[in-house]
Structure formats: structure tokens, C-alpha cells
Amino acid sequence: MAKVELKQPIVQTIADDVKDAASVVLVDYRGLTVAQDTALRKQLREAGITYKVCKNTMMKRAFEGTEFAVLDEHLEGPSALAISKDDATAPARILAKFAKEAKALEMKAGVVEGAAYDAKELQALASIPSREELLSKLLGSLQSPITNLARVLNQIAEQGGAEACESAGAVEEATEAPAEEAAEAPAE
């Protein structure tokens, strides 16, 4: 069996993983300890991100004819791929956060929703909150005016209710007083 035949399934697996991916981020993992690598893999897996260490030549073949071919120029030295099918910014966010603690981890480049990014641009992209965070902020900002309106209406109702009770009491006193005065007045 030829080496090419043995490598073809690996290339096909990489191609299948990146097909329909929202983002692919290429990293240099040199210098990570086993504990750090295990922790990184766990964080990525929990976020639904596929993380693979592959040979550069295999990745180049898998990227041929795709939007990910722009990553070829960054395929030098040990490389790993972080692939997300759903949340486009998740790999960059998790890798950037992890790289703050593990200085050896470096993002090389990435393709996010069809656009190529270098390491600096990935860092900027990593600062964008996740879709869930943005939705919760939006929901909070939508709920805030409604909550404030309800609070104001409640205060008005409480004040209006107290004023209504006071004015109702004054009306009762006013209507009772002439009747009492009429009863006390001597009949003519």
C-alpha cells in the first residue's frame, strides 16, 4: 500500500471537519505542558469545538480549493486546528483567553465566516462577546424600560390610591357634616 493511500483518509477527515465550518483557527501549541493541553482540549470540547493536531502537508491538501487555503502560508512548525461549526468567534475567544495563562500557545491565523484573519485580528475578534452574551444583554436592555415603566405605574397607583382614599374620606366628612348640622338645627 502506498503512503498516499494511507494519508488520503486523514486528508479526507480534515476536509470533512472544515467543510461548512463557521470558523477555523490555526494555532502553534509548542511549549504547552500535557496538563495545559488537556485543559485546553476540555474547554474547546465543552464549547463544541473540534481540536486537532495534524501534519501541515495533510492540512494543505485538505484546504485545497476551499476558503481555508489562505491558511497555507501559516502552516509552518507544529500546528493544530480549532474548528467550530456553530459559534464563529468561540475558537478565537477560548484560545485567546487560554493563551493569557499559557503563554506558549499562539494563534497563527484563522478563517471566520469566510474572512481571513491574522493573529492580531483574531485577538480583536476574541474580544467580541458570544452570541448568547449579546442576546442576554439585548434582552436585559429591552426588559429594563418595561420594568421601570411598571415600577412608575405602581408608584402612581399607590400614590393615586392614597390620594383617592384621602379625598374619599374628605367627601364623606363633607357630606356627613351638613346632614348632622341639619339634624341638630331646630325645626322651624
N, C-alpha and C. Protein backbone atom coordinates (compact mmCIF):
# COMPACT_ATOMS: atom_id res chain seq x y z
N MET A 1 0.84 -1.19 0.00
CA MET A 1 0.00 0.00 0.00
C MET A 1 0.89 1.25 0.00
N ALA A 2 0.62 2.20 -0.84
CA ALA A 2 1.42 3.41 -0.96
C ALA A 2 1.10 4.38 0.16
N LYS A 3 2.09 5.23 0.46
CA LYS A 3 1.90 6.23 1.54
C LYS A 3 0.73 7.15 1.23
N VAL A 4 0.56 7.50 -0.03
CA VAL A 4 -0.53 8.40 -0.43
C VAL A 4 -1.88 7.78 -0.07
N GLU A 5 -2.02 6.49 -0.28
CA GLU A 5 -3.28 5.81 0.03
C GLU A 5 -3.55 5.81 1.53
N LEU A 6 -2.49 5.72 2.32
CA LEU A 6 -2.65 5.75 3.78
C LEU A 6 -3.03 7.14 4.28
N LYS A 7 -2.52 8.15 3.60
CA LYS A 7 -2.75 9.53 4.03
C LYS A 7 -4.09 10.08 3.56
N GLN A 8 -4.63 9.53 2.50
CA GLN A 8 -5.87 10.04 1.92
C GLN A 8 -7.02 10.07 2.93
N PRO A 9 -7.25 9.03 3.74
CA PRO A 9 -8.35 9.10 4.72
C PRO A 9 -8.17 10.22 5.75
N ILE A 10 -6.92 10.49 6.11
CA ILE A 10 -6.64 11.56 7.08
C ILE A 10 -6.97 12.91 6.45
N VAL A 11 -6.54 13.11 5.21
CA VAL A 11 -6.83 14.35 4.48
C VAL A 11 -8.34 14.52 4.35
N GLN A 12 -9.03 13.43 4.01
CA GLN A 12 -10.49 13.49 3.85
C GLN A 12 -11.18 13.83 5.17
N THR A 13 -10.69 13.31 6.28
CA THR A 13 -11.26 13.62 7.60
C THR A 13 -11.11 15.10 7.91
N ILE A 14 -9.94 15.66 7.64
CA ILE A 14 -9.71 17.09 7.87
C ILE A 14 -10.64 17.91 6.97
N ALA A 15 -10.74 17.52 5.70
CA ALA A 15 -11.60 18.23 4.76
C ALA A 15 -13.06 18.18 5.22
N ASP A 16 -13.49 17.03 5.71
CA ASP A 16 -14.87 16.91 6.21
C ASP A 16 -15.09 17.77 7.46
N ASP A 17 -14.07 17.87 8.32
CA ASP A 17 -14.19 18.68 9.54
C ASP A 17 -14.32 20.17 9.22
N VAL A 18 -13.56 20.64 8.24
CA VAL A 18 -13.59 22.07 7.92
C VAL A 18 -14.74 22.44 6.99
N LYS A 19 -15.32 21.43 6.32
CA LYS A 19 -16.45 21.71 5.42
C LYS A 19 -17.60 22.27 6.25
N ASP A 20 -18.20 23.34 5.80
CA ASP A 20 -19.32 24.00 6.48
C ASP A 20 -18.96 24.55 7.86
N ALA A 21 -17.67 24.75 8.12
CA ALA A 21 -17.25 25.30 9.41
C ALA A 21 -17.49 26.80 9.42
N ALA A 22 -17.97 27.32 10.55
CA ALA A 22 -18.15 28.76 10.72
C ALA A 22 -16.78 29.43 10.89
N SER A 23 -15.85 28.70 11.53
CA SER A 23 -14.51 29.24 11.70
C SER A 23 -13.49 28.14 11.90
N VAL A 24 -12.28 28.43 11.46
CA VAL A 24 -11.13 27.55 11.66
C VAL A 24 -9.98 28.44 12.11
N VAL A 25 -9.41 28.10 13.27
CA VAL A 25 -8.30 28.88 13.81
C VAL A 25 -7.08 27.96 13.89
N LEU A 26 -5.97 28.44 13.38
CA LEU A 26 -4.72 27.69 13.35
C LEU A 26 -3.85 28.17 14.51
N VAL A 27 -3.34 27.24 15.32
CA VAL A 27 -2.52 27.62 16.48
C VAL A 27 -1.20 26.87 16.49
N ASP A 28 -0.23 27.49 17.15
CA ASP A 28 1.05 26.85 17.44
C ASP A 28 1.00 26.47 18.91
N TYR A 29 1.07 25.20 19.18
CA TYR A 29 0.91 24.69 20.54
C TYR A 29 2.24 24.33 21.20
N ARG A 30 3.36 24.62 20.53
CA ARG A 30 4.68 24.28 21.08
C ARG A 30 4.86 24.88 22.47
N GLY A 31 5.35 24.06 23.38
CA GLY A 31 5.65 24.56 24.71
C GLY A 31 4.54 24.34 25.72
N LEU A 32 3.38 23.88 25.28
CA LEU A 32 2.30 23.59 26.23
C LEU A 32 2.64 22.32 27.00
N THR A 33 2.35 22.33 28.28
CA THR A 33 2.53 21.12 29.07
C THR A 33 1.37 20.18 28.78
N VAL A 34 1.53 18.94 29.19
CA VAL A 34 0.45 17.97 28.99
C VAL A 34 -0.80 18.43 29.74
N ALA A 35 -0.64 18.95 30.94
CA ALA A 35 -1.78 19.43 31.73
C ALA A 35 -2.48 20.59 31.03
N GLN A 36 -1.70 21.51 30.48
CA GLN A 36 -2.28 22.66 29.77
C GLN A 36 -3.02 22.20 28.52
N ASP A 37 -2.40 21.28 27.77
CA ASP A 37 -3.03 20.77 26.55
C ASP A 37 -4.34 20.06 26.88
N THR A 38 -4.34 19.30 27.95
CA THR A 38 -5.56 18.59 28.37
C THR A 38 -6.64 19.58 28.77
N ALA A 39 -6.27 20.62 29.51
CA ALA A 39 -7.24 21.64 29.93
C ALA A 39 -7.80 22.39 28.72
N LEU A 40 -6.93 22.71 27.76
CA LEU A 40 -7.36 23.41 26.55
C LEU A 40 -8.34 22.55 25.75
N ARG A 41 -8.00 21.29 25.56
CA ARG A 41 -8.87 20.38 24.82
C ARG A 41 -10.24 20.26 25.49
N LYS A 42 -10.24 20.22 26.81
CA LYS A 42 -11.50 20.11 27.56
C LYS A 42 -12.37 21.34 27.34
N GLN A 43 -11.77 22.54 27.45
CA GLN A 43 -12.53 23.78 27.25
C GLN A 43 -13.11 23.84 25.84
N LEU A 44 -12.31 23.48 24.85
CA LEU A 44 -12.77 23.52 23.47
C LEU A 44 -13.89 22.50 23.23
N ARG A 45 -13.72 21.30 23.76
CA ARG A 45 -14.73 20.24 23.59
C ARG A 45 -16.06 20.66 24.22
N GLU A 46 -16.00 21.28 25.42
CA GLU A 46 -17.22 21.74 26.10
C GLU A 46 -17.95 22.80 25.30
N ALA A 47 -17.20 23.56 24.49
CA ALA A 47 -17.80 24.61 23.65
C ALA A 47 -18.22 24.07 22.29
N GLY A 48 -18.06 22.77 22.06
CA GLY A 48 -18.45 22.18 20.78
C GLY A 48 -17.46 22.42 19.66
N ILE A 49 -16.21 22.65 20.03
CA ILE A 49 -15.16 22.94 19.05
C ILE A 49 -14.28 21.71 18.86
N THR A 50 -14.01 21.36 17.61
CA THR A 50 -13.12 20.25 17.29
C THR A 50 -11.69 20.77 17.28
N TYR A 51 -10.81 20.09 17.99
CA TYR A 51 -9.41 20.48 18.08
C TYR A 51 -8.56 19.32 17.60
N LYS A 52 -7.72 19.56 16.60
CA LYS A 52 -6.90 18.50 16.02
C LYS A 52 -5.48 18.98 15.79
N VAL A 53 -4.54 18.09 16.08
CA VAL A 53 -3.15 18.31 15.72
C VAL A 53 -2.92 17.49 14.46
N CYS A 54 -2.52 18.17 13.39
CA CYS A 54 -2.36 17.49 12.09
C CYS A 54 -1.04 17.91 11.46
N LYS A 55 -0.56 17.10 10.53
CA LYS A 55 0.63 17.46 9.77
C LYS A 55 0.25 18.58 8.80
N ASN A 56 1.17 19.50 8.62
CA ASN A 56 0.93 20.65 7.73
C ASN A 56 0.61 20.22 6.31
N THR A 57 1.30 19.21 5.80
CA THR A 57 1.06 18.77 4.43
C THR A 57 -0.35 18.21 4.28
N MET A 58 -0.83 17.54 5.31
CA MET A 58 -2.19 17.00 5.27
C MET A 58 -3.22 18.13 5.25
N MET A 59 -2.96 19.15 6.07
CA MET A 59 -3.89 20.29 6.11
C MET A 59 -3.89 21.03 4.78
N LYS A 60 -2.72 21.21 4.20
CA LYS A 60 -2.63 21.90 2.89
C LYS A 60 -3.47 21.17 1.85
N ARG A 61 -3.36 19.85 1.84
CA ARG A 61 -4.15 19.07 0.87
C ARG A 61 -5.64 19.18 1.16
N ALA A 62 -6.01 19.16 2.43
CA ALA A 62 -7.42 19.25 2.81
C ALA A 62 -8.00 20.63 2.49
N PHE A 63 -7.17 21.66 2.56
CA PHE A 63 -7.63 23.03 2.32
C PHE A 63 -7.72 23.38 0.83
N GLU A 64 -7.09 22.59 -0.04
CA GLU A 64 -7.05 22.90 -1.47
C GLU A 64 -8.46 23.13 -2.02
N GLY A 65 -8.61 24.25 -2.71
CA GLY A 65 -9.89 24.56 -3.36
C GLY A 65 -10.97 25.05 -2.41
N THR A 66 -10.62 25.35 -1.17
CA THR A 66 -11.60 25.86 -0.20
C THR A 66 -11.19 27.26 0.25
N GLU A 67 -12.06 27.90 0.99
CA GLU A 67 -11.75 29.23 1.52
C GLU A 67 -10.64 29.18 2.57
N PHE A 68 -10.32 27.97 3.05
CA PHE A 68 -9.30 27.82 4.08
C PHE A 68 -7.89 27.71 3.50
N ALA A 69 -7.77 27.71 2.17
CA ALA A 69 -6.47 27.64 1.51
C ALA A 69 -5.59 28.84 1.88
N VAL A 70 -6.19 29.94 2.32
CA VAL A 70 -5.41 31.12 2.73
C VAL A 70 -4.55 30.84 3.96
N LEU A 71 -4.86 29.76 4.67
CA LEU A 71 -4.09 29.39 5.87
C LEU A 71 -2.77 28.70 5.51
N ASP A 72 -2.61 28.29 4.25
CA ASP A 72 -1.41 27.56 3.84
C ASP A 72 -0.11 28.28 4.20
N GLU A 73 -0.07 29.58 4.02
CA GLU A 73 1.16 30.33 4.29
C GLU A 73 1.53 30.32 5.78
N HIS A 74 0.59 29.98 6.64
CA HIS A 74 0.85 29.95 8.09
C HIS A 74 1.17 28.54 8.59
N LEU A 75 1.19 27.58 7.69
CA LEU A 75 1.43 26.18 8.08
C LEU A 75 2.93 25.90 8.14
N GLU A 76 3.56 26.42 9.16
CA GLU A 76 4.98 26.18 9.44
C GLU A 76 5.10 25.82 10.90
N GLY A 77 5.92 24.83 11.18
CA GLY A 77 6.08 24.38 12.55
C GLY A 77 4.86 23.59 12.98
N PRO A 78 4.85 23.15 14.23
CA PRO A 78 3.70 22.37 14.73
C PRO A 78 2.42 23.20 14.69
N SER A 79 1.36 22.62 14.15
CA SER A 79 0.10 23.34 14.01
C SER A 79 -1.06 22.48 14.47
N ALA A 80 -2.04 23.15 15.03
CA ALA A 80 -3.29 22.49 15.42
C ALA A 80 -4.43 23.35 14.91
N LEU A 81 -5.57 22.70 14.70
CA LEU A 81 -6.76 23.38 14.20
C LEU A 81 -7.84 23.38 15.27
N ALA A 82 -8.50 24.51 15.42
CA ALA A 82 -9.70 24.61 16.26
C ALA A 82 -10.84 24.94 15.30
N ILE A 83 -11.81 24.03 15.21
CA ILE A 83 -12.88 24.15 14.21
C ILE A 83 -14.23 24.26 14.89
N SER A 84 -14.99 25.29 14.52
CA SER A 84 -16.33 25.47 15.08
C SER A 84 -17.35 25.50 13.94
N LYS A 85 -18.40 24.74 14.11
CA LYS A 85 -19.48 24.71 13.11
C LYS A 85 -20.57 25.72 13.45
N ASP A 86 -20.70 26.09 14.73
CA ASP A 86 -21.80 26.94 15.18
C ASP A 86 -21.38 28.37 15.50
N ASP A 87 -20.67 28.54 16.60
CA ASP A 87 -20.28 29.87 17.07
C ASP A 87 -18.97 30.28 16.41
N ALA A 88 -19.04 31.23 15.50
CA ALA A 88 -17.87 31.62 14.71
C ALA A 88 -16.74 32.22 15.54
N THR A 89 -17.05 32.91 16.62
CA THR A 89 -16.00 33.56 17.40
C THR A 89 -15.51 32.71 18.57
N ALA A 90 -16.14 31.60 18.85
CA ALA A 90 -15.80 30.78 20.02
C ALA A 90 -14.35 30.30 20.02
N PRO A 91 -13.82 29.74 18.92
CA PRO A 91 -12.43 29.29 18.98
C PRO A 91 -11.46 30.43 19.32
N ALA A 92 -11.61 31.56 18.68
CA ALA A 92 -10.72 32.69 18.94
C ALA A 92 -10.85 33.16 20.38
N ARG A 93 -12.08 33.22 20.88
CA ARG A 93 -12.31 33.67 22.27
C ARG A 93 -11.65 32.72 23.28
N ILE A 94 -11.89 31.44 23.12
CA ILE A 94 -11.36 30.46 24.07
C ILE A 94 -9.84 30.39 23.99
N LEU A 95 -9.30 30.37 22.77
CA LEU A 95 -7.85 30.29 22.60
C LEU A 95 -7.16 31.54 23.13
N ALA A 96 -7.72 32.71 22.89
CA ALA A 96 -7.12 33.96 23.37
C ALA A 96 -7.13 34.00 24.90
N LYS A 97 -8.23 33.59 25.49
CA LYS A 97 -8.32 33.56 26.95
C LYS A 97 -7.33 32.57 27.54
N PHE A 98 -7.23 31.40 26.91
CA PHE A 98 -6.32 30.37 27.39
C PHE A 98 -4.87 30.82 27.22
N ALA A 99 -4.56 31.53 26.14
CA ALA A 99 -3.19 31.99 25.86
C ALA A 99 -2.71 33.01 26.88
N LYS A 100 -3.63 33.68 27.58
CA LYS A 100 -3.22 34.63 28.63
C LYS A 100 -2.53 33.89 29.77
N GLU A 101 -3.00 32.67 30.07
CA GLU A 101 -2.41 31.87 31.14
C GLU A 101 -1.25 31.02 30.60
N ALA A 102 -1.43 30.44 29.42
CA ALA A 102 -0.42 29.58 28.81
C ALA A 102 0.26 30.37 27.70
N LYS A 103 1.31 31.07 28.04
CA LYS A 103 1.99 31.98 27.09
C LYS A 103 2.54 31.25 25.86
N ALA A 104 2.76 29.93 25.96
CA ALA A 104 3.32 29.18 24.84
C ALA A 104 2.33 29.03 23.68
N LEU A 105 1.04 29.11 23.96
CA LEU A 105 0.02 28.95 22.92
C LEU A 105 -0.07 30.24 22.09
N GLU A 106 0.04 30.08 20.77
CA GLU A 106 -0.04 31.25 19.88
C GLU A 106 -1.03 30.99 18.76
N MET A 107 -1.92 31.94 18.55
CA MET A 107 -2.80 31.85 17.39
C MET A 107 -2.01 32.36 16.19
N LYS A 108 -2.03 31.58 15.11
CA LYS A 108 -1.30 31.96 13.89
C LYS A 108 -2.19 32.75 12.95
N ALA A 109 -3.35 32.19 12.64
CA ALA A 109 -4.27 32.81 11.69
C ALA A 109 -5.59 32.04 11.75
N GLY A 110 -6.59 32.56 11.04
CA GLY A 110 -7.87 31.88 11.03
C GLY A 110 -8.75 32.37 9.91
N VAL A 111 -9.80 31.61 9.68
CA VAL A 111 -10.84 32.00 8.73
C VAL A 111 -12.14 31.96 9.50
N VAL A 112 -12.79 33.11 9.58
CA VAL A 112 -14.05 33.22 10.31
C VAL A 112 -15.11 33.71 9.35
N GLU A 113 -16.12 32.88 9.15
CA GLU A 113 -17.22 33.17 8.23
C GLU A 113 -16.71 33.66 6.88
N GLY A 114 -15.69 32.97 6.36
CA GLY A 114 -15.18 33.25 5.03
C GLY A 114 -14.12 34.32 4.95
N ALA A 115 -13.87 35.05 6.02
CA ALA A 115 -12.86 36.11 6.02
C ALA A 115 -11.59 35.64 6.72
N ALA A 116 -10.43 35.94 6.12
CA ALA A 116 -9.15 35.56 6.69
C ALA A 116 -8.71 36.58 7.74
N TYR A 117 -8.15 36.09 8.83
CA TYR A 117 -7.67 36.94 9.92
C TYR A 117 -6.26 36.51 10.31
N ASP A 118 -5.41 37.50 10.62
CA ASP A 118 -4.09 37.17 11.14
C ASP A 118 -4.20 37.11 12.68
N ALA A 119 -3.08 36.90 13.35
CA ALA A 119 -3.08 36.73 14.80
C ALA A 119 -3.65 37.96 15.53
N LYS A 120 -3.24 39.16 15.11
CA LYS A 120 -3.73 40.39 15.76
C LYS A 120 -5.24 40.55 15.58
N GLU A 121 -5.69 40.29 14.37
CA GLU A 121 -7.13 40.42 14.09
C GLU A 121 -7.94 39.38 14.86
N LEU A 122 -7.36 38.19 15.05
CA LEU A 122 -8.05 37.17 15.86
C LEU A 122 -8.17 37.61 17.31
N GLN A 123 -7.14 38.29 17.81
CA GLN A 123 -7.19 38.82 19.18
C GLN A 123 -8.33 39.83 19.31
N ALA A 124 -8.47 40.69 18.33
CA ALA A 124 -9.56 41.67 18.34
C ALA A 124 -10.91 40.97 18.24
N LEU A 125 -10.99 39.97 17.41
CA LEU A 125 -12.22 39.19 17.25
C LEU A 125 -12.58 38.48 18.55
N ALA A 126 -11.58 38.05 19.28
CA ALA A 126 -11.80 37.33 20.54
C ALA A 126 -12.47 38.20 21.59
N SER A 127 -12.35 39.51 21.47
CA SER A 127 -12.95 40.41 22.46
C SER A 127 -14.45 40.59 22.24
N ILE A 128 -14.96 40.13 21.11
CA ILE A 128 -16.40 40.23 20.84
C ILE A 128 -17.13 39.19 21.69
N PRO A 129 -18.15 39.61 22.43
CA PRO A 129 -18.89 38.65 23.26
C PRO A 129 -19.58 37.59 22.41
N SER A 130 -19.87 36.46 23.04
CA SER A 130 -20.55 35.37 22.33
C SER A 130 -21.98 35.79 21.98
N ARG A 131 -22.57 35.05 21.10
CA ARG A 131 -23.96 35.32 20.67
C ARG A 131 -24.90 35.30 21.87
N GLU A 132 -24.71 34.33 22.77
CA GLU A 132 -25.57 34.21 23.95
C GLU A 132 -25.43 35.43 24.86
N GLU A 133 -24.17 35.90 25.04
CA GLU A 133 -23.95 37.09 25.87
C GLU A 133 -24.63 38.30 25.24
N LEU A 134 -24.50 38.46 23.93
CA LEU A 134 -25.12 39.60 23.25
C LEU A 134 -26.65 39.54 23.36
N LEU A 135 -27.20 38.34 23.20
CA LEU A 135 -28.66 38.20 23.32
C LEU A 135 -29.14 38.50 24.73
N SER A 136 -28.38 38.06 25.74
CA SER A 136 -28.80 38.34 27.13
C SER A 136 -28.71 39.83 27.43
N LYS A 137 -27.69 40.50 26.87
CA LYS A 137 -27.58 41.95 27.06
C LYS A 137 -28.75 42.66 26.37
N LEU A 138 -29.09 42.20 25.18
CA LEU A 138 -30.21 42.79 24.45
C LEU A 138 -31.51 42.60 25.23
N LEU A 139 -31.72 41.39 25.72
CA LEU A 139 -32.92 41.11 26.50
C LEU A 139 -32.97 41.97 27.75
N GLY A 140 -31.83 42.12 28.41
CA GLY A 140 -31.78 42.97 29.61
C GLY A 140 -32.11 44.42 29.29
N SER A 141 -31.58 44.91 28.17
CA SER A 141 -31.86 46.31 27.81
C SER A 141 -33.31 46.49 27.36
N LEU A 142 -33.91 45.43 26.80
CA LEU A 142 -35.32 45.51 26.44
C LEU A 142 -36.22 45.44 27.67
N GLN A 143 -35.82 44.64 28.64
CA GLN A 143 -36.63 44.48 29.85
C GLN A 143 -36.54 45.69 30.76
N SER A 144 -35.41 46.37 30.76
CA SER A 144 -35.20 47.49 31.66
C SER A 144 -36.27 48.57 31.55
N PRO A 145 -36.59 49.09 30.34
CA PRO A 145 -37.64 50.11 30.25
C PRO A 145 -39.01 49.59 30.70
N ILE A 146 -39.29 48.35 30.40
CA ILE A 146 -40.59 47.77 30.79
C ILE A 146 -40.67 47.68 32.31
N THR A 147 -39.58 47.24 32.93
CA THR A 147 -39.53 47.14 34.39
C THR A 147 -39.68 48.52 35.02
N ASN A 148 -38.97 49.50 34.47
CA ASN A 148 -39.07 50.87 35.00
C ASN A 148 -40.49 51.42 34.84
N LEU A 149 -41.11 51.16 33.69
CA LEU A 149 -42.48 51.62 33.47
C LEU A 149 -43.42 50.99 34.49
N ALA A 150 -43.27 49.70 34.72
CA ALA A 150 -44.13 49.01 35.69
C ALA A 150 -43.92 49.59 37.09
N ARG A 151 -42.68 49.89 37.44
CA ARG A 151 -42.38 50.46 38.75
C ARG A 151 -43.04 51.84 38.90
N VAL A 152 -42.94 52.67 37.86
CA VAL A 152 -43.54 54.02 37.91
C VAL A 152 -45.06 53.92 37.99
N LEU A 153 -45.65 53.04 37.19
CA LEU A 153 -47.11 52.86 37.24
C LEU A 153 -47.56 52.37 38.61
N ASN A 154 -46.78 51.51 39.21
CA ASN A 154 -47.10 51.00 40.54
C ASN A 154 -47.05 52.13 41.56
N GLN A 155 -46.03 52.98 41.47
CA GLN A 155 -45.92 54.12 42.39
C GLN A 155 -47.08 55.09 42.20
N ILE A 156 -47.44 55.33 40.95
CA ILE A 156 -48.57 56.22 40.67
C ILE A 156 -49.85 55.63 41.25
N ALA A 157 -50.02 54.33 41.07
CA ALA A 157 -51.22 53.67 41.59
C ALA A 157 -51.25 53.75 43.11
N GLU A 158 -50.09 53.56 43.75
CA GLU A 158 -50.06 53.64 45.22
C GLU A 158 -50.35 55.07 45.68
N GLN A 159 -49.74 56.05 45.04
CA GLN A 159 -49.99 57.44 45.40
C GLN A 159 -51.41 57.84 45.06
N GLY A 160 -51.86 57.45 43.90
CA GLY A 160 -53.22 57.76 43.48
C GLY A 160 -54.22 57.09 44.39
N GLY A 161 -53.92 55.88 44.83
CA GLY A 161 -54.81 55.16 45.74
C GLY A 161 -54.90 55.85 47.08
N ALA A 162 -53.76 56.33 47.60
CA ALA A 162 -53.76 57.02 48.88
C ALA A 162 -54.51 58.35 48.77
N GLU A 163 -54.25 59.06 47.66
CA GLU A 163 -54.95 60.33 47.45
C GLU A 163 -56.45 60.09 47.28
N ALA A 164 -56.80 59.01 46.60
CA ALA A 164 -58.22 58.69 46.41
C ALA A 164 -58.88 58.39 47.74
N CYS A 165 -58.15 57.67 48.60
CA CYS A 165 -58.71 57.35 49.92
C CYS A 165 -58.88 58.63 50.74
N GLU A 166 -57.86 59.51 50.70
CA GLU A 166 -57.95 60.77 51.45
C GLU A 166 -59.09 61.62 50.92
N SER A 167 -59.20 61.73 49.60
CA SER A 167 -60.26 62.56 49.03
C SER A 167 -61.62 61.93 49.26
N ALA A 168 -61.70 60.61 49.26
CA ALA A 168 -62.98 59.94 49.55
C ALA A 168 -63.38 60.19 51.00
N GLY A 169 -62.39 60.17 51.90
CA GLY A 169 -62.68 60.45 53.32
C GLY A 169 -63.14 61.88 53.50
N ALA A 170 -62.54 62.82 52.79
CA ALA A 170 -62.94 64.22 52.88
C ALA A 170 -64.35 64.40 52.32
N VAL A 171 -64.69 63.70 51.25
CA VAL A 171 -66.03 63.79 50.67
C VAL A 171 -67.05 63.25 51.67
N GLU A 172 -66.72 62.12 52.31
CA GLU A 172 -67.64 61.55 53.30
C GLU A 172 -67.86 62.53 54.45
N GLU A 173 -66.77 63.13 54.96
CA GLU A 173 -66.89 64.09 56.06
C GLU A 173 -67.74 65.28 55.62
N ALA A 174 -67.51 65.73 54.39
CA ALA A 174 -68.24 66.88 53.89
C ALA A 174 -69.72 66.56 53.73
N THR A 175 -70.05 65.37 53.31
CA THR A 175 -71.45 65.03 53.13
C THR A 175 -72.11 64.69 54.46
N GLU A 176 -71.36 64.18 55.42
CA GLU A 176 -71.93 63.85 56.72
C GLU A 176 -72.18 65.12 57.55
N ALA A 177 -71.29 66.08 57.46
CA ALA A 177 -71.40 67.29 58.28
C ALA A 177 -72.71 68.05 58.01
N PRO A 178 -73.14 68.33 56.81
CA PRO A 178 -74.39 69.04 56.61
C PRO A 178 -75.58 68.22 57.11
N ALA A 179 -75.51 66.93 56.98
CA ALA A 179 -76.64 66.12 57.47
C ALA A 179 -76.73 66.21 58.98
N GLU A 180 -75.61 66.18 59.68
CA GLU A 180 -75.60 66.28 61.14
C GLU A 180 -76.06 67.66 61.56
N GLU A 181 -75.58 68.67 60.86
CA GLU A 181 -75.97 70.05 61.19
C GLU A 181 -77.46 70.22 60.97
N ALA A 182 -77.99 69.59 59.95
CA ALA A 182 -79.42 69.69 59.67
C ALA A 182 -80.22 68.97 60.77
N ALA A 183 -79.69 67.91 61.28
CA ALA A 183 -80.40 67.17 62.35
C ALA A 183 -80.36 67.94 63.65
N GLU A 184 -79.28 68.66 63.91
CA GLU A 184 -79.15 69.41 65.16
C GLU A 184 -79.92 70.74 65.11
N ALA A 185 -80.14 71.24 63.93
CA ALA A 185 -80.81 72.53 63.81
C ALA A 185 -82.25 72.38 64.26
N PRO A 186 -82.76 73.38 65.03
CA PRO A 186 -84.14 73.30 65.47
C PRO A 186 -85.12 73.40 64.31
N ALA A 187 -86.13 72.68 64.41
CA ALA A 187 -87.14 72.68 63.36
C ALA A 187 -87.93 73.95 63.45
N GLU A 188 -88.21 74.57 62.42
CA GLU A 188 -88.92 75.83 62.43
C GLU A 188 -90.36 75.68 62.16
